[in-house]
């Protein structure tokens, strides 16, 4: 058990069964085609999101879990994080792309798919690249669309119509696509919001590492097609949707048993996003982040008032110092230290 210093949230750590022989990533039921596109609208990859129709294990536990890689993989040209992402999927998986941010983003979706298949119907899982831990949560008993009423107008970004308020999807049509993203069929799984949030953050963490190491974002030394600045904006945008998700769960599923774990995951996503903005963000990212954090402190996760801009009292750890401690604690989690 580890105390999250920023959120004062307890991380509950439990062990779940490892993926073996690549079986956790084999599809059981396709949920439709997810077509990622470049900012110019060119298709980059065709990948499929999967869900399980098998019942969950009776003894399944929830919260932060350790997760062992399913194979040995290391490629210095891909960096540590993208290599770790690859190690959590079979070698011939369908999510690879020439652009390495897209490769990371889509393969993180693939790991979530494999977790859903492994864990069973009504359960979702989200892997943290490079940390060897995943959050396992039950789906709340509500529709995703109810989250929309908790998102203020000023935080509805470019992806709002694609993922949150797609008129065709909300009207009950299936197979609807907008901006290259397939969102129909996920209305009964509101944690899909976290799947997108985690993929955008993970993709940006890979971009940050590759840039810091002087490695290209595309194959064959190419700069890559995906616009990392836009993806960082989308990570901040989805933080807002995730905070609204927490608020919606409190109102529409007040007996939801995984609320504390949900808050813990969203808080950690806030921390990861803030660290990215502090490290590689442009002025517009910092403005956008502050707008979100001010709103989240006032109306979102009540445990996070420290994100609101204010004068810091003396002898209080800075956000950077707290993030460093979280990093150290997550490294202990990855090593199985409780």
Protein backbone atom coordinates (compact mmCIF):
# COMPACT_ATOMS: atom_id res chain seq x y z
CA UNK A 1 0.00 0.00 0.00
CA UNK A 2 1.43 3.34 -1.07
CA UNK A 3 0.30 6.84 -0.15
CA UNK A 4 -0.12 9.21 -3.08
CA UNK A 5 1.40 12.42 -1.73
CA UNK A 6 -0.30 14.79 -4.11
CA UNK A 7 -3.81 13.43 -3.80
CA UNK A 8 -3.53 11.96 -0.32
CA UNK A 9 -4.97 8.86 -1.94
CA UNK A 10 -4.05 5.32 -0.96
CA UNK A 11 -2.95 3.08 -3.80
CA UNK A 12 -4.19 -0.44 -3.21
CA UNK A 13 -1.84 -2.94 -4.78
CA UNK A 14 -2.76 -6.54 -5.48
CA UNK A 15 -1.37 -9.21 -7.75
CA UNK A 16 -3.35 -10.59 -10.65
CA UNK A 17 -2.54 -13.47 -12.98
CA UNK A 18 0.09 -12.83 -15.65
CA UNK A 19 -0.64 -12.97 -19.36
CA UNK A 20 0.81 -16.22 -20.64
CA UNK A 21 1.80 -17.26 -24.16
CA UNK A 22 0.29 -14.07 -25.55
CA UNK A 23 -3.24 -15.33 -24.85
CA UNK A 24 -4.31 -12.16 -23.06
CA UNK A 25 -4.10 -10.24 -26.33
CA UNK A 26 -6.09 -12.63 -28.52
CA UNK A 27 -9.44 -11.14 -29.57
CA UNK A 28 -12.72 -12.58 -28.36
CA UNK A 29 -15.22 -10.10 -29.73
CA UNK A 30 -14.51 -7.23 -32.10
CA UNK A 31 -16.10 -3.95 -31.12
CA UNK A 32 -15.53 -2.15 -34.39
CA UNK A 33 -12.73 -0.56 -36.38
CA UNK A 34 -10.70 2.26 -34.91
CA UNK A 35 -9.04 4.25 -37.71
CA UNK A 36 -6.31 6.57 -36.47
CA UNK A 37 -5.49 9.42 -38.82
CA UNK A 38 -2.74 11.98 -39.07
CA UNK A 39 -3.53 15.68 -38.48
CA UNK A 40 -3.77 15.94 -42.29
CA UNK A 41 -6.42 13.23 -42.36
CA UNK A 42 -4.28 10.43 -43.81
CA UNK A 43 -4.93 6.94 -42.40
CA UNK A 44 -2.06 5.67 -40.29
CA UNK A 45 -3.25 2.39 -38.84
CA UNK A 46 -6.27 0.16 -38.63
CA UNK A 47 -6.71 -1.43 -35.24
CA UNK A 48 -9.55 -3.04 -33.37
CA UNK A 49 -10.76 -2.49 -29.83
CA UNK A 50 -11.90 -5.65 -28.10
CA UNK A 51 -14.23 -6.44 -25.22
CA UNK A 52 -14.96 -9.67 -23.41
CA UNK A 53 -18.29 -11.41 -23.06
CA UNK A 54 -16.87 -13.92 -20.58
CA UNK A 55 -17.85 -13.57 -16.90
CA UNK A 56 -15.25 -12.11 -14.57
CA UNK A 57 -13.49 -14.29 -12.03
CA UNK A 58 -15.30 -14.53 -8.72
CA UNK A 59 -12.13 -13.69 -6.80
CA UNK A 60 -11.09 -10.76 -9.02
CA UNK A 61 -9.62 -7.84 -7.07
CA UNK A 62 -9.61 -4.20 -8.10
CA UNK A 63 -7.32 -1.20 -7.81
CA UNK A 64 -3.63 -0.92 -8.65
CA UNK A 65 -2.11 -4.24 -9.76
CA UNK A 66 1.35 -5.27 -10.83
CA UNK A 67 1.57 -6.50 -14.41
CA UNK A 68 4.44 -8.51 -15.83
CA UNK A 69 5.44 -8.16 -19.48
CA UNK A 70 4.41 -11.06 -21.69
CA UNK A 71 7.73 -11.14 -23.59
CA UNK A 72 11.26 -9.79 -23.52
CA UNK A 73 11.68 -6.79 -25.78
CA UNK A 74 14.15 -3.91 -25.95
CA UNK A 75 15.00 -1.67 -28.88
CA UNK A 76 17.29 1.32 -28.18
CA UNK A 77 15.87 3.11 -31.23
CA UNK A 78 12.40 3.02 -29.68
CA UNK A 79 13.41 4.11 -26.19
CA UNK A 80 12.49 2.60 -22.85
CA UNK A 81 8.77 3.39 -22.80
CA UNK A 82 7.83 2.23 -26.29
CA UNK A 83 9.92 -0.89 -25.76
CA UNK A 84 7.99 -1.56 -22.55
CA UNK A 85 4.69 -1.03 -24.37
CA UNK A 86 5.82 -3.53 -27.01
CA UNK A 87 6.82 -6.04 -24.31
CA UNK A 88 3.21 -6.06 -23.12
CA UNK A 89 1.83 -7.21 -26.47
CA UNK A 90 2.58 -10.20 -28.74
CA UNK A 91 5.21 -9.59 -31.41
CA UNK A 92 2.75 -9.65 -34.33
CA UNK A 93 0.09 -7.40 -32.84
CA UNK A 94 -1.96 -5.14 -35.10
CA UNK A 95 -1.34 -1.76 -33.51
CA UNK A 96 2.09 -0.80 -34.87
CA UNK A 97 2.53 2.32 -37.01
CA UNK A 98 5.37 4.19 -38.67
CA UNK A 99 4.71 7.19 -36.47
CA UNK A 100 5.92 6.27 -32.98
CA UNK A 101 3.46 8.45 -31.08
CA UNK A 102 0.63 6.71 -32.93
CA UNK A 103 2.37 3.37 -32.34
CA UNK A 104 2.43 4.03 -28.59
CA UNK A 105 -1.10 5.47 -28.46
CA UNK A 106 -2.72 2.61 -30.37
CA UNK A 107 -0.75 -0.14 -28.64
CA UNK A 108 -1.77 1.23 -25.24
CA UNK A 109 -5.33 0.80 -26.51
CA UNK A 110 -4.34 -2.74 -27.42
CA UNK A 111 -3.06 -3.45 -23.90
CA UNK A 112 -6.36 -2.17 -22.50
CA UNK A 113 -8.15 -4.50 -24.91
CA UNK A 114 -6.06 -7.44 -23.71
CA UNK A 115 -6.79 -6.52 -20.10
CA UNK A 116 -10.54 -6.39 -20.77
CA UNK A 117 -10.35 -9.82 -22.40
CA UNK A 118 -8.32 -11.24 -19.55
CA UNK A 119 -10.42 -9.72 -16.78
CA UNK A 120 -13.90 -10.44 -18.13
CA UNK A 121 -17.10 -8.62 -18.94
CA UNK A 122 -17.81 -5.37 -17.13
CA UNK A 123 -14.18 -4.78 -16.09
CA UNK A 124 -11.62 -2.45 -17.60
CA UNK A 125 -7.87 -2.13 -17.15
CA UNK A 126 -5.32 0.57 -17.89
CA UNK A 127 -1.58 -0.03 -18.03
CA UNK A 128 0.94 2.66 -17.05
CA UNK A 129 3.86 2.40 -19.51
CA UNK A 130 7.24 1.92 -17.90
CA UNK A 131 5.84 1.32 -14.40
CA UNK A 132 4.71 -2.30 -14.51
CA UNK A 133 1.37 -1.43 -12.92
CA UNK A 134 -2.21 -1.28 -14.15
CA UNK A 135 -5.45 0.01 -12.70
CA UNK A 136 -8.34 -2.48 -12.74
CA UNK A 137 -11.86 -1.07 -12.37
CA UNK A 138 -15.45 -2.22 -12.68
CA UNK A 139 -17.57 -0.27 -15.13
CA UNK A 140 -19.97 2.14 -13.40
CA UNK A 141 -23.68 1.48 -13.79
CA UNK A 142 -24.44 4.41 -16.07
CA UNK A 143 -24.12 5.54 -19.67
CA UNK A 144 -21.12 7.48 -20.88
CA UNK A 145 -23.30 10.26 -22.24
CA UNK A 146 -24.33 11.41 -18.75
CA UNK A 147 -20.76 12.58 -18.19
CA UNK A 148 -21.34 15.37 -20.71
CA UNK A 149 -23.48 17.48 -18.42
CA UNK A 150 -20.53 17.85 -16.00
CA UNK A 151 -18.10 19.24 -18.59
CA UNK A 152 -18.15 23.06 -18.76
CA UNK A 153 -18.27 24.67 -22.18
CA UNK A 154 -14.76 26.11 -21.89
CA UNK A 155 -13.25 22.63 -21.43
CA UNK A 156 -14.93 21.06 -24.46
CA UNK A 157 -12.05 20.72 -26.89
CA UNK A 158 -11.46 19.48 -30.42
CA UNK A 159 -12.38 15.90 -29.52
CA UNK A 160 -15.67 16.74 -27.80
CA UNK A 161 -17.91 15.73 -30.71
CA UNK A 162 -15.77 12.73 -31.61
CA UNK A 163 -15.76 11.02 -28.23
CA UNK A 164 -18.21 12.68 -25.89
CA UNK A 165 -21.17 14.19 -27.74
CA UNK A 166 -21.39 12.43 -31.06
CA UNK A 167 -25.01 13.03 -32.14
CA UNK A 168 -25.23 9.78 -34.12
CA UNK A 169 -23.88 7.68 -31.26
CA UNK A 170 -26.02 9.39 -28.64
CA UNK A 171 -29.05 8.77 -30.84
CA UNK A 172 -28.31 5.05 -30.64
CA UNK A 173 -26.82 4.51 -34.10
CA UNK A 174 -24.03 1.97 -34.39
CA UNK A 175 -20.83 2.13 -36.31
CA UNK A 176 -20.79 5.91 -36.22
CA UNK A 177 -17.42 7.46 -36.92
CA UNK A 178 -16.30 11.05 -36.58
CA UNK A 179 -12.80 12.43 -37.07
CA UNK A 180 -11.54 8.91 -37.65
CA UNK A 181 -12.56 7.57 -34.23
CA UNK A 182 -15.07 4.81 -33.63
CA UNK A 183 -17.10 5.49 -30.49
CA UNK A 184 -20.37 3.58 -31.01
CA UNK A 185 -20.86 0.62 -28.71
CA UNK A 186 -19.04 2.14 -25.73
CA UNK A 187 -22.01 3.92 -24.17
CA UNK A 188 -22.40 1.22 -21.51
CA UNK A 189 -18.67 1.40 -20.76
CA UNK A 190 -18.02 4.96 -19.58
CA UNK A 191 -14.46 4.04 -18.51
CA UNK A 192 -13.65 4.20 -22.22
CA UNK A 193 -12.90 7.87 -21.40
CA UNK A 194 -9.96 6.66 -19.30
CA UNK A 195 -8.78 4.42 -22.15
CA UNK A 196 -8.43 7.47 -24.40
CA UNK A 197 -6.91 9.57 -21.62
CA UNK A 198 -4.28 6.95 -20.86
CA UNK A 199 -3.43 6.49 -24.55
CA UNK A 200 -2.95 10.21 -25.14
CA UNK A 201 -0.78 10.59 -22.03
CA UNK A 202 1.26 7.47 -22.83
CA UNK A 203 1.83 8.58 -26.39
CA UNK A 204 3.08 11.94 -25.17
CA UNK A 205 5.38 10.32 -22.60
CA UNK A 206 6.92 8.32 -25.44
CA UNK A 207 7.30 11.52 -27.48
CA UNK A 208 8.95 13.25 -24.54
CA UNK A 209 11.48 10.44 -24.11
CA UNK A 210 12.28 10.15 -27.81
CA UNK A 211 12.83 13.90 -28.10
CA UNK A 212 15.02 13.93 -24.98
CA UNK A 213 17.14 11.09 -26.39
CA UNK A 214 17.41 12.69 -29.82
CA UNK A 215 15.50 9.81 -31.42
CA UNK A 216 13.13 10.33 -34.35
CA UNK A 217 9.37 10.19 -33.92
CA UNK A 218 9.03 8.28 -37.21
CA UNK A 219 10.66 5.25 -38.78
CA UNK A 220 13.78 5.56 -40.96
CA UNK A 221 14.78 8.77 -39.20
CA UNK A 222 11.60 10.60 -40.23
CA UNK A 223 10.18 13.25 -37.89
CA UNK A 224 6.81 11.50 -37.68
CA UNK A 225 3.42 12.61 -38.92
CA UNK A 226 1.51 12.96 -35.68
CA UNK A 227 1.47 16.45 -34.17
CA UNK A 228 2.71 16.00 -30.60
CA UNK A 229 1.63 19.51 -29.58
CA UNK A 230 -1.94 18.68 -30.53
CA UNK A 231 -1.80 15.38 -28.67
CA UNK A 232 -0.63 17.13 -25.50
CA UNK A 233 -3.62 19.45 -25.81
CA UNK A 234 -5.83 16.37 -26.16
CA UNK A 235 -4.31 14.82 -23.02
CA UNK A 236 -5.28 17.95 -21.06
CA UNK A 237 -8.72 17.88 -22.67
CA UNK A 238 -9.32 14.30 -21.59
CA UNK A 239 -8.25 15.12 -18.03
CA UNK A 240 -11.32 17.34 -17.95
CA UNK A 241 -13.54 14.56 -19.26
CA UNK A 242 -12.09 12.13 -16.71
CA UNK A 243 -12.75 14.54 -13.85
CA UNK A 244 -16.31 14.95 -15.12
CA UNK A 245 -16.57 11.14 -15.17
CA UNK A 246 -15.78 11.03 -11.45
CA UNK A 247 -18.44 13.62 -10.75
CA UNK A 248 -20.99 11.74 -12.85
CA UNK A 249 -20.26 8.47 -11.05
CA UNK A 250 -20.89 10.15 -7.70
CA UNK A 251 -24.28 11.37 -8.90
CA UNK A 252 -25.47 8.49 -11.09
CA UNK A 253 -23.87 5.49 -9.36
CA UNK A 254 -23.42 6.59 -5.73
CA UNK A 255 -22.76 3.03 -4.54
CA UNK A 256 -19.99 2.45 -7.12
CA UNK A 257 -17.49 0.27 -5.23
CA UNK A 258 -14.35 1.45 -7.07
CA UNK A 259 -14.77 5.20 -6.55
CA UNK A 260 -11.55 5.64 -4.56
CA UNK A 261 -9.58 3.66 -7.13
CA UNK A 262 -11.16 5.69 -9.93
CA UNK A 263 -10.16 8.91 -8.16
CA UNK A 264 -6.65 7.55 -7.67
CA UNK A 265 -6.25 6.79 -11.37
CA UNK A 266 -7.59 10.17 -12.48
CA UNK A 267 -5.35 11.93 -9.97
CA UNK A 268 -2.34 10.04 -11.28
CA UNK A 269 -3.33 11.01 -14.83
CA UNK A 270 -3.44 14.64 -13.71
CA UNK A 271 0.07 14.30 -12.34
CA UNK A 272 1.43 12.68 -15.50
CA UNK A 273 -0.15 15.37 -17.67
CA UNK A 274 1.10 18.20 -15.47
CA UNK A 275 4.61 16.78 -15.63
CA UNK A 276 4.47 16.65 -19.43
CA UNK A 277 3.27 20.23 -19.63
CA UNK A 278 5.98 21.38 -17.23
CA UNK A 279 8.64 19.55 -19.25
CA UNK A 280 7.75 20.04 -22.92
CA UNK A 281 4.59 22.14 -22.94
CA UNK A 282 4.20 25.40 -24.84
CA UNK A 283 2.64 28.51 -23.22
CA UNK A 284 -0.77 27.57 -24.61
CA UNK A 285 -0.53 24.14 -22.94
CA UNK A 286 0.26 25.74 -19.60
CA UNK A 287 -2.69 28.10 -19.94
CA UNK A 288 -4.99 25.23 -20.88
CA UNK A 289 -3.73 23.10 -18.01
CA UNK A 290 -4.21 25.88 -15.50
CA UNK A 291 -7.75 26.45 -16.76
CA UNK A 292 -8.51 22.77 -16.25
CA UNK A 293 -6.79 22.48 -12.86
CA UNK A 294 -8.56 25.54 -11.50
CA UNK A 295 -11.90 24.04 -12.52
CA UNK A 296 -10.97 20.57 -11.24
CA UNK A 297 -9.96 21.97 -7.86
CA UNK A 298 -13.27 23.78 -7.53
CA UNK A 299 -15.68 21.28 -9.04
CA UNK A 300 -13.91 18.01 -9.68
CA UNK A 301 -11.93 15.79 -7.37
CA UNK A 302 -12.42 17.30 -3.94
CA UNK A 303 -9.15 15.71 -2.82
CA UNK A 304 -7.14 17.94 -5.13
CA UNK A 305 -7.53 21.58 -4.03
CA UNK A 306 -3.75 22.04 -4.24
CA UNK A 307 -4.01 22.18 -8.03
CA UNK A 308 -5.70 25.58 -7.80
CA UNK A 309 -3.20 28.37 -8.41
CA UNK A 310 -2.29 30.07 -5.15
CA UNK A 311 0.68 31.26 -3.16
CA UNK A 312 2.55 28.29 -1.71
CA UNK A 313 2.95 28.24 2.09
CA UNK A 314 6.44 27.86 3.44
CA UNK A 315 7.88 24.37 3.95
CA UNK A 316 5.46 22.76 1.52
CA UNK A 317 6.75 20.44 -1.20
CA UNK A 318 6.56 21.81 -4.72
CA UNK A 319 4.56 19.91 -7.35
CA UNK A 320 7.85 18.86 -8.94
CA UNK A 321 9.11 17.43 -5.63
CA UNK A 322 5.84 15.59 -5.07
CA UNK A 323 5.86 14.22 -8.60
CA UNK A 324 9.40 12.97 -8.02
CA UNK A 325 8.21 11.14 -4.91
CA UNK A 326 5.30 9.63 -6.82
CA UNK A 327 7.75 8.43 -9.46
CA UNK A 328 9.85 6.79 -6.75
CA UNK A 329 6.78 5.15 -5.22
CA UNK A 330 5.59 3.81 -8.56
CA UNK A 331 9.03 2.36 -9.14
CA UNK A 332 8.62 0.51 -5.85
CA UNK A 333 5.23 -0.71 -7.06
CA UNK A 334 6.83 -2.04 -10.22
CA UNK A 335 9.31 -3.98 -8.06
CA UNK A 336 6.50 -5.44 -5.94
CA UNK A 337 7.31 -3.44 -2.81
CA UNK A 338 4.22 -2.56 -0.79
